[in-house]
Amino acid sequence: MSKYSYELKLEIVQYVLEGKHSQGNAVRKYNITKNHIQNWLKLYQNYGADGLFIKHGYYTGDF
């Protein structure tokens, strides 16, 4: 399970992309790190809303 829901990620991305709010404003309003917001913005810009579903995997060492 993701720490942040898809809906919250989308809300924050839209909040910033409206053009009326900065990433700094979003950090303060939602109490989320700027790095998270920047990553979500990149995913959204590259893949659209579906990009916010992408989770980073981990390496298990299995081949």
C-alpha atoms as a PDB file:
ATOM      1  CA  MET A   1       0.000   0.000   0.000  1.00  0.00           C
ATOM      2  CA  SER A   2       1.240   3.456  -0.867  1.00  0.00           C
ATOM      3  CA  LYS A   3       1.854   5.993   1.857  1.00  0.00           C
ATOM      4  CA  TYR A   4      -0.009   8.598  -0.189  1.00  0.00           C
ATOM      5  CA  SER A   5      -3.204   7.855  -2.077  1.00  0.00           C
ATOM      6  CA  TYR A   6      -3.564   8.394  -5.798  1.00  0.00           C
ATOM      7  CA  GLU A   7      -6.283  10.955  -5.088  1.00  0.00           C
ATOM      8  CA  LEU A   8      -4.028  13.003  -2.809  1.00  0.00           C
ATOM      9  CA  LYS A   9      -1.152  12.917  -5.304  1.00  0.00           C
ATOM     10  CA  LEU A  10      -3.468  14.082  -8.085  1.00  0.00           C
ATOM     11  CA  GLU A  11      -4.922  16.833  -5.896  1.00  0.00           C
ATOM     12  CA  ILE A  12      -1.451  18.155  -5.066  1.00  0.00           C
ATOM     13  CA  VAL A  13      -0.249  17.989  -8.683  1.00  0.00           C
ATOM     14  CA  GLN A  14      -3.318  19.879  -9.863  1.00  0.00           C
ATOM     15  CA  TYR A  15      -2.915  22.398  -7.048  1.00  0.00           C
ATOM     16  CA  VAL A  16       0.578  23.233  -8.316  1.00  0.00           C
ATOM     17  CA  LEU A  17      -0.139  23.016 -12.039  1.00  0.00           C
ATOM     18  CA  GLU A  18      -3.074  25.426 -11.847  1.00  0.00           C
ATOM     19  CA  GLY A  19      -0.373  28.066 -11.916  1.00  0.00           C
ATOM     20  CA  LYS A  20      -1.631  29.893  -8.867  1.00  0.00           C
ATOM     21  CA  HIS A  21       0.398  27.943  -6.310  1.00  0.00           C
ATOM     22  CA  SER A  22       4.076  27.134  -5.974  1.00  0.00           C
ATOM     23  CA  GLN A  23       5.586  23.863  -4.864  1.00  0.00           C
ATOM     24  CA  GLY A  24       6.510  25.626  -1.630  1.00  0.00           C
ATOM     25  CA  ASN A  25       2.854  26.497  -1.044  1.00  0.00           C
ATOM     26  CA  ALA A  26       1.939  22.846  -1.576  1.00  0.00           C
ATOM     27  CA  VAL A  27       4.640  21.721   0.873  1.00  0.00           C
ATOM     28  CA  ARG A  28       3.172  23.949   3.569  1.00  0.00           C
ATOM     29  CA  LYS A  29      -0.484  23.193   2.813  1.00  0.00           C
ATOM     30  CA  TYR A  30      -0.167  19.398   2.583  1.00  0.00           C
ATOM     31  CA  ASN A  31       2.851  18.903   4.882  1.00  0.00           C
ATOM     32  CA  ILE A  32       4.642  16.755   2.286  1.00  0.00           C
ATOM     33  CA  THR A  33       8.273  17.064   1.221  1.00  0.00           C
ATOM     34  CA  LYS A  34       9.204  19.006  -1.879  1.00  0.00           C
ATOM     35  CA  ASN A  35      10.963  15.922  -3.253  1.00  0.00           C
ATOM     36  CA  HIS A  36       7.715  13.961  -3.221  1.00  0.00           C
ATOM     37  CA  ILE A  37       5.901  16.760  -5.018  1.00  0.00           C
ATOM     38  CA  GLN A  38       8.643  17.135  -7.627  1.00  0.00           C
ATOM     39  CA  ASN A  39       8.614  13.382  -8.306  1.00  0.00           C
ATOM     40  CA  TRP A  40       4.823  13.360  -8.710  1.00  0.00           C
ATOM     41  CA  LEU A  41       4.980  16.346 -11.050  1.00  0.00           C
ATOM     42  CA  LYS A  42       7.553  14.570 -13.233  1.00  0.00           C
ATOM     43  CA  LEU A  43       5.491  11.386 -13.310  1.00  0.00           C
ATOM     44  CA  TYR A  44       2.356  13.358 -14.180  1.00  0.00           C
ATOM     45  CA  GLN A  45       4.098  15.302 -16.941  1.00  0.00           C
ATOM     46  CA  ASN A  46       5.646  12.152 -18.434  1.00  0.00           C
ATOM     47  CA  TYR A  47       2.759   9.694 -18.071  1.00  0.00           C
ATOM     48  CA  GLY A  48      -0.342  11.706 -17.239  1.00  0.00           C
ATOM     49  CA  ALA A  49      -2.525  10.873 -14.270  1.00  0.00           C
ATOM     50  CA  ASP A  50      -1.723   7.167 -14.656  1.00  0.00           C
ATOM     51  CA  GLY A  51       1.893   7.966 -13.798  1.00  0.00           C
ATOM     52  CA  LEU A  52       0.834   8.644 -10.229  1.00  0.00           C
ATOM     53  CA  PHE A  53       0.075   4.920  -9.868  1.00  0.00           C
ATOM     54  CA  ILE A  54       3.703   4.004 -10.617  1.00  0.00           C
ATOM     55  CA  LYS A  55       5.488   2.568  -7.624  1.00  0.00           C
ATOM     56  CA  HIS A  56       9.204   2.113  -7.400  1.00  0.00           C
ATOM     57  CA  GLY A  57      10.136  -1.489  -6.911  1.00  0.00           C
ATOM     58  CA  TYR A  58      12.962  -2.914  -4.946  1.00  0.00           C
ATOM     59  CA  TYR A  59      15.725  -5.316  -5.786  1.00  0.00           C
ATOM     60  CA  THR A  60      15.287  -8.765  -4.254  1.00  0.00           C
ATOM     61  CA  GLY A  61      18.443 -10.372  -5.590  1.00  0.00           C
ATOM     62  CA  ASP A  62      16.412 -13.100  -7.324  1.00  0.00           C
ATOM     63  CA  PHE A  63      17.163 -13.815 -10.950  1.00  0.00           C
END
